[in-house]
Amino acid sequence: MTTSPPSPAPRLGATEWGLLLVLSLLWGGSFLFGRMAVAELPPMTVVWLRVALATAVLLTGLLVTGAALGRALPQWRDYLVMGLVNNVIPFSLILWGQTEIGAGLAAVLNATTPLFAAIIAHLGTADEKLTGNRLAGLLIGLTGVAILVGPEAWAGFGRKVSALLAVLGAALSYGFAGFWGRRFRGQPPAVSAFSQLAASTLLLLPLILLFDRPLDLPLPSAKVAAAIVALAVLSTALAYIVFFRILVRAGGSNVMLVTLMIPPSAILLGWLVLGETLTAGELIGATVIGLALVVIDGRLLSRLGLRPPAPTP
């Protein structure tokens, strides 16, 4: 009796790295749009508007293209879990944590997501094992994020333990989302994106009705309304299509590398859009993160003879 060879471990090729860069820019932009939106609306309402509008946009696109939405129905429980661990829990924990800690420290803690994702994938899968170069790259990347946001982000580190644990909990939740999302590899990315956002919308609706009472809130300004639309269309609908495409092609632990790339992307957008000044620490931190991604990828190191080449499946 012959046995089929094991499936090769998911890898990041040039296309996947390009998609990760696009995703980091889309999610990096969410910091810009979100900052504008919460100036006039409660954070939880902003989150619900973000996922609800993105759900409507994706549904319209799927109906126009004639996508078979019925393919996702047998997995509706799986999508409810995905919406919970990929949106509802992490969005809520990060927003709560940022009431006590700054955005810089939150970015450092959120950048632990690939480490959590790699450990979960190592324990729970046969084809996404944690290698030495990957672990080294993740630790280098965390160091780069810490340099990038600067020492002021660490002010009051020991006094706000609950907020720190909340953001770390969000990173852990994202790590589980990368693992859980493996079961959607047979689905078109747009269908998976729509299904988990629709689930998130349903899960969040009773929470905002109970706590924010959105019907009693004044209408936002045109500027804030535009920011919410951009947050929903670009940083959510389009971003999740890219997210699920990378997930299908490269695996859950690889797609979560995007959280290492989001801080420099957000800083770059601030420089391009808002004219913010780049500091030496930000440039050094971004360079260290780039080095970390090279180490994780491994191919350049193999060509330089710094590590053995990966075996051919």
C-alpha atoms as a PDB file:
ATOM      1  CA  MET A   1       0.000   0.000   0.000  1.00  0.00           C
ATOM      2  CA  THR A   2       1.355   3.411  -0.961  1.00  0.00           C
ATOM      3  CA  THR A   3       0.885   6.524   1.080  1.00  0.00           C
ATOM      4  CA  SER A   4       0.679  10.035  -0.296  1.00  0.00           C
ATOM      5  CA  PRO A   5       3.560  12.347   0.651  1.00  0.00           C
ATOM      6  CA  PRO A   6       2.853  14.909   3.368  1.00  0.00           C
ATOM      7  CA  SER A   7       1.667  18.295   2.226  1.00  0.00           C
ATOM      8  CA  PRO A   8       4.456  20.883   2.061  1.00  0.00           C
ATOM      9  CA  ALA A   9       4.420  23.549   4.729  1.00  0.00           C
ATOM     10  CA  PRO A  10       2.686  26.757   3.566  1.00  0.00           C
ATOM     11  CA  ARG A  11       5.265  29.316   2.451  1.00  0.00           C
ATOM     12  CA  LEU A  12       5.367  32.985   1.622  1.00  0.00           C
ATOM     13  CA  GLY A  13       6.266  33.623  -2.000  1.00  0.00           C
ATOM     14  CA  ALA A  14       6.670  36.993  -3.688  1.00  0.00           C
ATOM     15  CA  THR A  15       2.899  37.261  -4.249  1.00  0.00           C
ATOM     16  CA  GLU A  16       2.117  36.516  -0.604  1.00  0.00           C
ATOM     17  CA  TRP A  17       4.673  39.046   0.641  1.00  0.00           C
ATOM     18  CA  GLY A  18       3.130  41.633  -1.679  1.00  0.00           C
ATOM     19  CA  LEU A  19      -0.343  40.851  -0.337  1.00  0.00           C
ATOM     20  CA  LEU A  20       0.981  41.164   3.237  1.00  0.00           C
ATOM     21  CA  LEU A  21       2.321  44.629   2.396  1.00  0.00           C
ATOM     22  CA  VAL A  22      -1.046  45.653   0.931  1.00  0.00           C
ATOM     23  CA  LEU A  23      -2.844  44.285   4.001  1.00  0.00           C
ATOM     24  CA  SER A  24      -0.507  46.153   6.368  1.00  0.00           C
ATOM     25  CA  LEU A  25      -1.273  49.416   4.555  1.00  0.00           C
ATOM     26  CA  LEU A  26      -5.030  48.763   4.655  1.00  0.00           C
ATOM     27  CA  TRP A  27      -4.975  47.925   8.367  1.00  0.00           C
ATOM     28  CA  GLY A  28      -2.426  50.641   9.097  1.00  0.00           C
ATOM     29  CA  GLY A  29      -4.928  53.097   7.606  1.00  0.00           C
ATOM     30  CA  SER A  30      -7.520  51.908  10.119  1.00  0.00           C
ATOM     31  CA  PHE A  31      -5.621  53.774  12.859  1.00  0.00           C
ATOM     32  CA  LEU A  32      -5.984  57.008  10.873  1.00  0.00           C
ATOM     33  CA  PHE A  33      -9.676  56.509  10.066  1.00  0.00           C
ATOM     34  CA  GLY A  34     -10.519  55.166  13.527  1.00  0.00           C
ATOM     35  CA  ARG A  35      -8.869  58.132  15.242  1.00  0.00           C
ATOM     36  CA  MET A  36     -11.099  60.478  13.258  1.00  0.00           C
ATOM     37  CA  ALA A  37     -14.271  58.447  13.906  1.00  0.00           C
ATOM     38  CA  VAL A  38     -13.988  58.100  17.704  1.00  0.00           C
ATOM     39  CA  ALA A  39     -13.757  61.871  18.004  1.00  0.00           C
ATOM     40  CA  GLU A  40     -17.549  61.981  17.616  1.00  0.00           C
ATOM     41  CA  LEU A  41     -18.855  58.443  18.182  1.00  0.00           C
ATOM     42  CA  PRO A  42     -18.418  55.786  20.919  1.00  0.00           C
ATOM     43  CA  PRO A  43     -15.758  53.188  20.065  1.00  0.00           C
ATOM     44  CA  MET A  44     -18.148  50.200  20.101  1.00  0.00           C
ATOM     45  CA  THR A  45     -20.517  51.983  17.718  1.00  0.00           C
ATOM     46  CA  VAL A  46     -17.588  52.706  15.401  1.00  0.00           C
ATOM     47  CA  VAL A  47     -16.667  49.010  15.456  1.00  0.00           C
ATOM     48  CA  TRP A  48     -20.227  47.959  14.640  1.00  0.00           C
ATOM     49  CA  LEU A  49     -20.551  50.514  11.809  1.00  0.00           C
ATOM     50  CA  ARG A  50     -17.217  49.278  10.485  1.00  0.00           C
ATOM     51  CA  VAL A  51     -18.257  45.615  10.268  1.00  0.00           C
ATOM     52  CA  ALA A  52     -21.877  46.294   9.274  1.00  0.00           C
ATOM     53  CA  LEU A  53     -21.010  48.585   6.354  1.00  0.00           C
ATOM     54  CA  ALA A  54     -18.249  46.225   5.249  1.00  0.00           C
ATOM     55  CA  THR A  55     -20.769  43.346   5.322  1.00  0.00           C
ATOM     56  CA  ALA A  56     -23.149  45.335   3.109  1.00  0.00           C
ATOM     57  CA  VAL A  57     -20.373  46.206   0.642  1.00  0.00           C
ATOM     58  CA  LEU A  58     -19.212  42.608   0.353  1.00  0.00           C
ATOM     59  CA  LEU A  59     -22.779  41.294   0.040  1.00  0.00           C
ATOM     60  CA  THR A  60     -23.440  43.699  -2.829  1.00  0.00           C
ATOM     61  CA  GLY A  61     -20.265  42.608  -4.590  1.00  0.00           C
ATOM     62  CA  LEU A  62     -21.031  38.923  -4.125  1.00  0.00           C
ATOM     63  CA  LEU A  63     -24.577  39.324  -5.442  1.00  0.00           C
ATOM     64  CA  VAL A  64     -23.354  41.269  -8.482  1.00  0.00           C
ATOM     65  CA  THR A  65     -20.742  38.630  -9.300  1.00  0.00           C
ATOM     66  CA  GLY A  66     -23.153  35.761  -8.670  1.00  0.00           C
ATOM     67  CA  ALA A  67     -21.029  34.112  -5.981  1.00  0.00           C
ATOM     68  CA  ALA A  68     -22.462  30.968  -4.399  1.00  0.00           C
ATOM     69  CA  LEU A  69     -23.114  32.215  -0.876  1.00  0.00           C
ATOM     70  CA  GLY A  70     -24.891  28.987  -0.037  1.00  0.00           C
ATOM     71  CA  ARG A  71     -21.520  27.238   0.115  1.00  0.00           C
ATOM     72  CA  ALA A  72     -20.826  28.993   3.419  1.00  0.00           C
ATOM     73  CA  LEU A  73     -24.109  28.049   5.115  1.00  0.00           C
ATOM     74  CA  PRO A  74     -22.977  24.605   6.384  1.00  0.00           C
ATOM     75  CA  GLN A  75     -20.127  26.376   8.187  1.00  0.00           C
ATOM     76  CA  TRP A  76     -22.186  29.121   9.849  1.00  0.00           C
ATOM     77  CA  ARG A  77     -21.123  27.994  13.341  1.00  0.00           C
ATOM     78  CA  ASP A  78     -17.478  28.145  12.273  1.00  0.00           C
ATOM     79  CA  TYR A  79     -17.983  31.677  10.964  1.00  0.00           C
ATOM     80  CA  LEU A  80     -19.630  32.742  14.228  1.00  0.00           C
ATOM     81  CA  VAL A  81     -16.519  31.564  16.062  1.00  0.00           C
ATOM     82  CA  MET A  82     -14.299  33.345  13.511  1.00  0.00           C
ATOM     83  CA  GLY A  83     -16.239  36.573  13.920  1.00  0.00           C
ATOM     84  CA  LEU A  84     -15.910  36.251  17.684  1.00  0.00           C
ATOM     85  CA  VAL A  85     -12.139  35.590  17.819  1.00  0.00           C
ATOM     86  CA  ASN A  86     -11.163  37.753  14.833  1.00  0.00           C
ATOM     87  CA  ASN A  87     -13.325  40.837  15.455  1.00  0.00           C
ATOM     88  CA  VAL A  88     -15.593  41.002  18.499  1.00  0.00           C
ATOM     89  CA  ILE A  89     -13.124  39.913  21.203  1.00  0.00           C
ATOM     90  CA  PRO A  90      -9.920  41.590  19.919  1.00  0.00           C
ATOM     91  CA  PHE A  91     -11.576  44.851  18.824  1.00  0.00           C
ATOM     92  CA  SER A  92     -13.291  45.178  22.216  1.00  0.00           C
ATOM     93  CA  LEU A  93     -10.189  44.274  24.252  1.00  0.00           C
ATOM     94  CA  ILE A  94      -7.952  46.665  22.321  1.00  0.00           C
ATOM     95  CA  LEU A  95     -10.405  49.543  22.657  1.00  0.00           C
ATOM     96  CA  TRP A  96     -10.774  48.896  26.390  1.00  0.00           C
ATOM     97  CA  GLY A  97      -7.024  48.541  26.850  1.00  0.00           C
ATOM     98  CA  GLN A  98      -6.344  51.826  25.075  1.00  0.00           C
ATOM     99  CA  THR A  99      -8.355  53.675  27.683  1.00  0.00           C
ATOM    100  CA  GLU A 100      -5.384  53.028  29.997  1.00  0.00           C
ATOM    101  CA  ILE A 101      -2.322  52.662  27.757  1.00  0.00           C
ATOM    102  CA  GLY A 102      -1.026  54.563  24.752  1.00  0.00           C
ATOM    103  CA  ALA A 103      -1.249  53.537  21.126  1.00  0.00           C
ATOM    104  CA  GLY A 104       2.496  52.850  20.969  1.00  0.00           C
ATOM    105  CA  LEU A 105       2.477  50.266  23.739  1.00  0.00           C
ATOM    106  CA  ALA A 106      -0.726  48.772  22.316  1.00  0.00           C
ATOM    107  CA  ALA A 107       1.072  48.363  18.975  1.00  0.00           C
ATOM    108  CA  VAL A 108       3.966  46.543  20.675  1.00  0.00           C
ATOM    109  CA  LEU A 109       1.614  44.185  22.498  1.00  0.00           C
ATOM    110  CA  ASN A 110      -0.518  43.610  19.398  1.00  0.00           C
ATOM    111  CA  ALA A 111       2.644  42.720  17.489  1.00  0.00           C
ATOM    112  CA  THR A 112       2.948  39.593  19.661  1.00  0.00           C
ATOM    113  CA  THR A 113       0.152  38.112  17.500  1.00  0.00           C
ATOM    114  CA  PRO A 114       2.526  36.248  15.124  1.00  0.00           C
ATOM    115  CA  LEU A 115       4.272  34.679  18.118  1.00  0.00           C
ATOM    116  CA  PHE A 116       0.959  33.431  19.542  1.00  0.00           C
ATOM    117  CA  ALA A 117      -0.147  32.312  16.071  1.00  0.00           C
ATOM    118  CA  ALA A 118       3.095  30.414  15.469  1.00  0.00           C
ATOM    119  CA  ILE A 119       2.887  28.620  18.834  1.00  0.00           C
ATOM    120  CA  ILE A 120      -0.789  27.694  18.313  1.00  0.00           C
ATOM    121  CA  ALA A 121      -0.075  26.468  14.770  1.00  0.00           C
ATOM    122  CA  HIS A 122       2.931  24.477  16.018  1.00  0.00           C
ATOM    123  CA  LEU A 123       0.810  22.710  18.625  1.00  0.00           C
ATOM    124  CA  GLY A 124      -2.317  22.251  16.533  1.00  0.00           C
ATOM    125  CA  THR A 125      -1.156  21.559  12.980  1.00  0.00           C
ATOM    126  CA  ALA A 126       1.138  19.189  11.113  1.00  0.00           C
ATOM    127  CA  ASP A 127       2.296  21.610   8.392  1.00  0.00           C
ATOM    128  CA  GLU A 128       3.001  24.902  10.221  1.00  0.00           C
ATOM    129  CA  LYS A 129       5.698  23.917  12.702  1.00  0.00           C
ATOM    130  CA  LEU A 130       7.752  26.577  14.481  1.00  0.00           C
ATOM    131  CA  THR A 131      11.304  26.614  13.112  1.00  0.00           C
ATOM    132  CA  GLY A 132      14.409  28.189  14.612  1.00  0.00           C
ATOM    133  CA  ASN A 133      14.683  30.969  12.032  1.00  0.00           C
ATOM    134  CA  ARG A 134      10.985  31.755  12.417  1.00  0.00           C
ATOM    135  CA  LEU A 135      11.238  32.080  16.198  1.00  0.00           C
ATOM    136  CA  ALA A 136      14.384  34.219  15.864  1.00  0.00           C
ATOM    137  CA  GLY A 137      12.663  36.419  13.280  1.00  0.00           C
ATOM    138  CA  LEU A 138       9.595  36.914  15.472  1.00  0.00           C
ATOM    139  CA  LEU A 139      11.729  37.979  18.442  1.00  0.00           C
ATOM    140  CA  ILE A 140      13.744  40.358  16.239  1.00  0.00           C
ATOM    141  CA  GLY A 141      10.467  41.771  14.912  1.00  0.00           C
ATOM    142  CA  LEU A 142       9.120  42.432  18.410  1.00  0.00           C
ATOM    143  CA  THR A 143      12.363  44.240  19.221  1.00  0.00           C
ATOM    144  CA  GLY A 144      11.929  46.351  16.085  1.00  0.00           C
ATOM    145  CA  VAL A 145       8.375  47.300  17.043  1.00  0.00           C
ATOM    146  CA  ALA A 146       9.559  48.296  20.531  1.00  0.00           C
ATOM    147  CA  ILE A 147      12.282  50.513  19.018  1.00  0.00           C
ATOM    148  CA  LEU A 148       9.854  51.972  16.496  1.00  0.00           C
ATOM    149  CA  VAL A 149       7.291  53.203  19.041  1.00  0.00           C
ATOM    150  CA  GLY A 150      10.000  54.590  21.346  1.00  0.00           C
ATOM    151  CA  PRO A 151      10.684  54.468  25.098  1.00  0.00           C
ATOM    152  CA  GLU A 152       7.794  56.778  25.970  1.00  0.00           C
ATOM    153  CA  ALA A 153       5.354  53.985  25.099  1.00  0.00           C
ATOM    154  CA  TRP A 154       6.555  52.043  28.126  1.00  0.00           C
ATOM    155  CA  ALA A 155       5.697  54.764  30.648  1.00  0.00           C
ATOM    156  CA  GLY A 156       3.543  53.319  33.413  1.00  0.00           C
ATOM    157  CA  PHE A 157       4.080  49.760  32.186  1.00  0.00           C
ATOM    158  CA  GLY A 158       3.804  48.211  35.636  1.00  0.00           C
ATOM    159  CA  ARG A 159       0.809  50.236  36.796  1.00  0.00           C
ATOM    160  CA  LYS A 160      -1.700  49.175  34.161  1.00  0.00           C
ATOM    161  CA  VAL A 161      -1.510  45.412  34.233  1.00  0.00           C
ATOM    162  CA  SER A 162      -5.177  44.808  33.393  1.00  0.00           C
ATOM    163  CA  ALA A 163      -4.986  46.960  30.250  1.00  0.00           C
ATOM    164  CA  LEU A 164      -1.771  45.233  29.180  1.00  0.00           C
ATOM    165  CA  LEU A 165      -3.371  41.821  29.672  1.00  0.00           C
ATOM    166  CA  ALA A 166      -6.413  42.962  27.681  1.00  0.00           C
ATOM    167  CA  VAL A 167      -4.331  43.861  24.615  1.00  0.00           C
ATOM    168  CA  LEU A 168      -2.282  40.671  24.978  1.00  0.00           C
ATOM    169  CA  GLY A 169      -5.605  38.816  25.139  1.00  0.00           C
ATOM    170  CA  ALA A 170      -6.558  40.458  21.851  1.00  0.00           C
ATOM    171  CA  ALA A 171      -3.277  39.279  20.293  1.00  0.00           C
ATOM    172  CA  LEU A 172      -3.939  35.747  21.571  1.00  0.00           C
ATOM    173  CA  SER A 173      -7.455  35.900  20.104  1.00  0.00           C
ATOM    174  CA  TYR A 174      -6.026  36.925  16.726  1.00  0.00           C
ATOM    175  CA  GLY A 175      -3.625  33.984  16.997  1.00  0.00           C
ATOM    176  CA  PHE A 176      -6.556  31.601  17.434  1.00  0.00           C
ATOM    177  CA  ALA A 177      -8.285  33.299  14.481  1.00  0.00           C
ATOM    178  CA  GLY A 178      -5.356  32.407  12.236  1.00  0.00           C
ATOM    179  CA  PHE A 179      -5.576  28.792  13.382  1.00  0.00           C
ATOM    180  CA  TRP A 180      -9.385  28.626  13.143  1.00  0.00           C
ATOM    181  CA  GLY A 181      -9.376  30.187   9.685  1.00  0.00           C
ATOM    182  CA  ARG A 182      -7.582  27.145   8.240  1.00  0.00           C
ATOM    183  CA  ARG A 183     -10.960  25.434   7.914  1.00  0.00           C
ATOM    184  CA  PHE A 184     -12.068  27.999   5.305  1.00  0.00           C
ATOM    185  CA  ARG A 185      -9.344  27.144   2.789  1.00  0.00           C
ATOM    186  CA  GLY A 186     -11.915  25.699   0.401  1.00  0.00           C
ATOM    187  CA  GLN A 187     -13.978  28.898   0.337  1.00  0.00           C
ATOM    188  CA  PRO A 188     -13.475  31.894  -1.965  1.00  0.00           C
ATOM    189  CA  PRO A 189     -11.807  34.702   0.064  1.00  0.00           C
ATOM    190  CA  ALA A 190     -14.676  37.157  -0.530  1.00  0.00           C
ATOM    191  CA  VAL A 191     -17.235  34.619   0.743  1.00  0.00           C
ATOM    192  CA  SER A 192     -15.193  33.957   3.891  1.00  0.00           C
ATOM    193  CA  ALA A 193     -14.688  37.682   4.463  1.00  0.00           C
ATOM    194  CA  PHE A 194     -18.415  38.386   4.126  1.00  0.00           C
ATOM    195  CA  SER A 195     -19.475  35.458   6.306  1.00  0.00           C
ATOM    196  CA  GLN A 196     -17.259  36.275   9.298  1.00  0.00           C
ATOM    197  CA  LEU A 197     -18.112  40.003   9.091  1.00  0.00           C
ATOM    198  CA  ALA A 198     -21.840  39.215   8.951  1.00  0.00           C
ATOM    199  CA  ALA A 199     -21.393  37.048  12.056  1.00  0.00           C
ATOM    200  CA  SER A 200     -19.509  39.876  13.802  1.00  0.00           C
ATOM    201  CA  THR A 201     -22.280  42.333  12.939  1.00  0.00           C
ATOM    202  CA  LEU A 202     -24.917  40.098  14.516  1.00  0.00           C
ATOM    203  CA  LEU A 203     -22.820  39.459  17.615  1.00  0.00           C
ATOM    204  CA  LEU A 204     -22.078  43.156  18.199  1.00  0.00           C
ATOM    205  CA  LEU A 205     -25.593  44.507  17.569  1.00  0.00           C
ATOM    206  CA  PRO A 206     -27.103  43.696  21.000  1.00  0.00           C
ATOM    207  CA  LEU A 207     -23.976  45.074  22.717  1.00  0.00           C
ATOM    208  CA  ILE A 208     -24.158  48.506  21.117  1.00  0.00           C
ATOM    209  CA  LEU A 209     -27.942  48.700  21.602  1.00  0.00           C
ATOM    210  CA  LEU A 210     -27.446  47.950  25.296  1.00  0.00           C
ATOM    211  CA  PHE A 211     -24.410  50.106  26.050  1.00  0.00           C
ATOM    212  CA  ASP A 212     -24.130  52.863  23.391  1.00  0.00           C
ATOM    213  CA  ARG A 213     -27.787  53.489  22.451  1.00  0.00           C
ATOM    214  CA  PRO A 214     -26.780  54.634  18.928  1.00  0.00           C
ATOM    215  CA  LEU A 215     -30.283  55.825  18.009  1.00  0.00           C
ATOM    216  CA  ASP A 216     -29.918  58.576  20.614  1.00  0.00           C
ATOM    217  CA  LEU A 217     -26.572  59.803  19.280  1.00  0.00           C
ATOM    218  CA  PRO A 218     -26.283  62.917  17.071  1.00  0.00           C
ATOM    219  CA  LEU A 219     -25.407  62.401  13.417  1.00  0.00           C
ATOM    220  CA  PRO A 220     -21.650  62.523  12.762  1.00  0.00           C
ATOM    221  CA  SER A 221     -20.069  65.242  10.621  1.00  0.00           C
ATOM    222  CA  ALA A 222     -19.338  64.660   6.947  1.00  0.00           C
ATOM    223  CA  LYS A 223     -15.631  64.232   7.758  1.00  0.00           C
ATOM    224  CA  VAL A 224     -16.309  61.515  10.319  1.00  0.00           C
ATOM    225  CA  ALA A 225     -18.856  59.822   8.037  1.00  0.00           C
ATOM    226  CA  ALA A 226     -16.216  59.692   5.279  1.00  0.00           C
ATOM    227  CA  ALA A 227     -13.705  58.214   7.741  1.00  0.00           C
ATOM    228  CA  ILE A 228     -16.182  55.480   8.737  1.00  0.00           C
ATOM    229  CA  VAL A 229     -16.867  54.636   5.085  1.00  0.00           C
ATOM    230  CA  ALA A 230     -13.116  54.395   4.407  1.00  0.00           C
ATOM    231  CA  LEU A 231     -12.682  52.295   7.550  1.00  0.00           C
ATOM    232  CA  ALA A 232     -15.431  49.910   6.394  1.00  0.00           C
ATOM    233  CA  VAL A 233     -14.644  49.697   2.675  1.00  0.00           C
ATOM    234  CA  LEU A 234     -10.827  49.846   2.618  1.00  0.00           C
ATOM    235  CA  SER A 235      -9.657  48.754   6.065  1.00  0.00           C
ATOM    236  CA  THR A 236     -12.300  46.052   6.552  1.00  0.00           C
ATOM    237  CA  ALA A 237     -14.079  44.757   3.405  1.00  0.00           C
ATOM    238  CA  LEU A 238     -11.086  44.910   1.070  1.00  0.00           C
ATOM    239  CA  ALA A 239      -8.631  44.075   3.868  1.00  0.00           C
ATOM    240  CA  TYR A 240     -10.439  40.868   4.807  1.00  0.00           C
ATOM    241  CA  ILE A 241     -10.561  39.699   1.190  1.00  0.00           C
ATOM    242  CA  VAL A 242      -6.764  40.073   1.130  1.00  0.00           C
ATOM    243  CA  PHE A 243      -6.504  38.452   4.592  1.00  0.00           C
ATOM    244  CA  PHE A 244      -8.399  35.320   3.559  1.00  0.00           C
ATOM    245  CA  ARG A 245      -6.511  35.107   0.265  1.00  0.00           C
ATOM    246  CA  ILE A 246      -3.185  35.028   2.167  1.00  0.00           C
ATOM    247  CA  LEU A 247      -4.683  32.563   4.654  1.00  0.00           C
ATOM    248  CA  VAL A 248      -5.623  30.187   1.834  1.00  0.00           C
ATOM    249  CA  ARG A 249      -2.237  30.478   0.126  1.00  0.00           C
ATOM    250  CA  ALA A 250       0.206  30.702   3.046  1.00  0.00           C
ATOM    251  CA  GLY A 251      -1.459  29.519   6.273  1.00  0.00           C
ATOM    252  CA  GLY A 252      -2.627  31.072   9.519  1.00  0.00           C
ATOM    253  CA  SER A 253       0.706  31.745  11.202  1.00  0.00           C
ATOM    254  CA  ASN A 254       2.097  33.453   8.095  1.00  0.00           C
ATOM    255  CA  VAL A 255      -0.856  35.789   7.622  1.00  0.00           C
ATOM    256  CA  MET A 256      -0.483  37.036  11.196  1.00  0.00           C
ATOM    257  CA  LEU A 257       2.965  38.408  10.340  1.00  0.00           C
ATOM    258  CA  VAL A 258       1.027  41.431   9.135  1.00  0.00           C
ATOM    259  CA  THR A 259       0.824  42.702  12.724  1.00  0.00           C
ATOM    260  CA  LEU A 260       4.600  43.243  12.657  1.00  0.00           C
ATOM    261  CA  MET A 261       4.190  45.321   9.494  1.00  0.00           C
ATOM    262  CA  ILE A 262       1.238  47.455  10.624  1.00  0.00           C
ATOM    263  CA  PRO A 263       3.146  49.920  12.913  1.00  0.00           C
ATOM    264  CA  PRO A 264       5.621  51.037  10.205  1.00  0.00           C
ATOM    265  CA  SER A 265       2.774  51.168   7.673  1.00  0.00           C
ATOM    266  CA  ALA A 266       0.716  53.378  10.012  1.00  0.00           C
ATOM    267  CA  ILE A 267       3.712  55.679  10.551  1.00  0.00           C
ATOM    268  CA  LEU A 268       4.347  55.821   6.797  1.00  0.00           C
ATOM    269  CA  LEU A 269       0.716  56.790   6.166  1.00  0.00           C
ATOM    270  CA  GLY A 270       0.948  59.465   8.867  1.00  0.00           C
ATOM    271  CA  TRP A 271       4.009  60.865   7.102  1.00  0.00           C
ATOM    272  CA  LEU A 272       2.389  60.789   3.644  1.00  0.00           C
ATOM    273  CA  VAL A 273      -1.147  61.914   4.585  1.00  0.00           C
ATOM    274  CA  LEU A 274      -0.700  64.047   7.692  1.00  0.00           C
ATOM    275  CA  GLY A 275       2.842  65.288   7.122  1.00  0.00           C
ATOM    276  CA  GLU A 276       4.073  63.775  10.403  1.00  0.00           C
ATOM    277  CA  THR A 277       7.847  63.776  10.927  1.00  0.00           C
ATOM    278  CA  LEU A 278       9.760  60.497  10.890  1.00  0.00           C
ATOM    279  CA  THR A 279      12.172  60.088  13.809  1.00  0.00           C
ATOM    280  CA  ALA A 280      15.457  58.205  13.828  1.00  0.00           C
ATOM    281  CA  GLY A 281      13.936  55.604  16.175  1.00  0.00           C
ATOM    282  CA  GLU A 282      11.070  54.981  13.757  1.00  0.00           C
ATOM    283  CA  LEU A 283      13.461  54.488  10.838  1.00  0.00           C
ATOM    284  CA  ILE A 284      15.703  52.152  12.876  1.00  0.00           C
ATOM    285  CA  GLY A 285      12.707  50.197  14.183  1.00  0.00           C
ATOM    286  CA  ALA A 286      11.263  49.794  10.688  1.00  0.00           C
ATOM    287  CA  THR A 287      14.665  48.565   9.460  1.00  0.00           C
ATOM    288  CA  VAL A 288      14.853  45.982  12.269  1.00  0.00           C
ATOM    289  CA  ILE A 289      11.328  44.777  11.393  1.00  0.00           C
ATOM    290  CA  GLY A 290      12.434  44.415   7.769  1.00  0.00           C
ATOM    291  CA  LEU A 291      15.402  42.337   8.914  1.00  0.00           C
ATOM    292  CA  ALA A 292      13.060  40.168  10.987  1.00  0.00           C
ATOM    293  CA  LEU A 293      10.878  39.458   7.961  1.00  0.00           C
ATOM    294  CA  VAL A 294      13.968  38.471   5.947  1.00  0.00           C
ATOM    295  CA  VAL A 295      14.961  36.038   8.716  1.00  0.00           C
ATOM    296  CA  ILE A 296      11.440  34.576   8.874  1.00  0.00           C
ATOM    297  CA  ASP A 297      11.309  34.158   5.088  1.00  0.00           C
ATOM    298  CA  GLY A 298      14.690  32.390   5.135  1.00  0.00           C
ATOM    299  CA  ARG A 299      15.349  32.286   1.389  1.00  0.00           C
ATOM    300  CA  LEU A 300      17.876  35.123   1.310  1.00  0.00           C
ATOM    301  CA  LEU A 301      19.744  33.554   4.242  1.00  0.00           C
ATOM    302  CA  SER A 302      19.859  30.250   2.344  1.00  0.00           C
ATOM    303  CA  ARG A 303      21.304  31.934  -0.723  1.00  0.00           C
ATOM    304  CA  LEU A 304      23.952  33.616   1.434  1.00  0.00           C
ATOM    305  CA  GLY A 305      24.801  30.256   3.018  1.00  0.00           C
ATOM    306  CA  LEU A 306      23.710  31.387   6.487  1.00  0.00           C
ATOM    307  CA  ARG A 307      21.212  28.549   6.921  1.00  0.00           C
ATOM    308  CA  PRO A 308      20.626  25.215   5.169  1.00  0.00           C
ATOM    309  CA  PRO A 309      18.154  25.356   2.264  1.00  0.00           C
ATOM    310  CA  ALA A 310      14.685  24.018   2.956  1.00  0.00           C
ATOM    311  CA  PRO A 311      14.200  20.414   1.786  1.00  0.00           C
ATOM    312  CA  THR A 312      12.270  19.963  -1.427  1.00  0.00           C
ATOM    313  CA  PRO A 313       8.874  18.313  -0.776  1.00  0.00           C
END
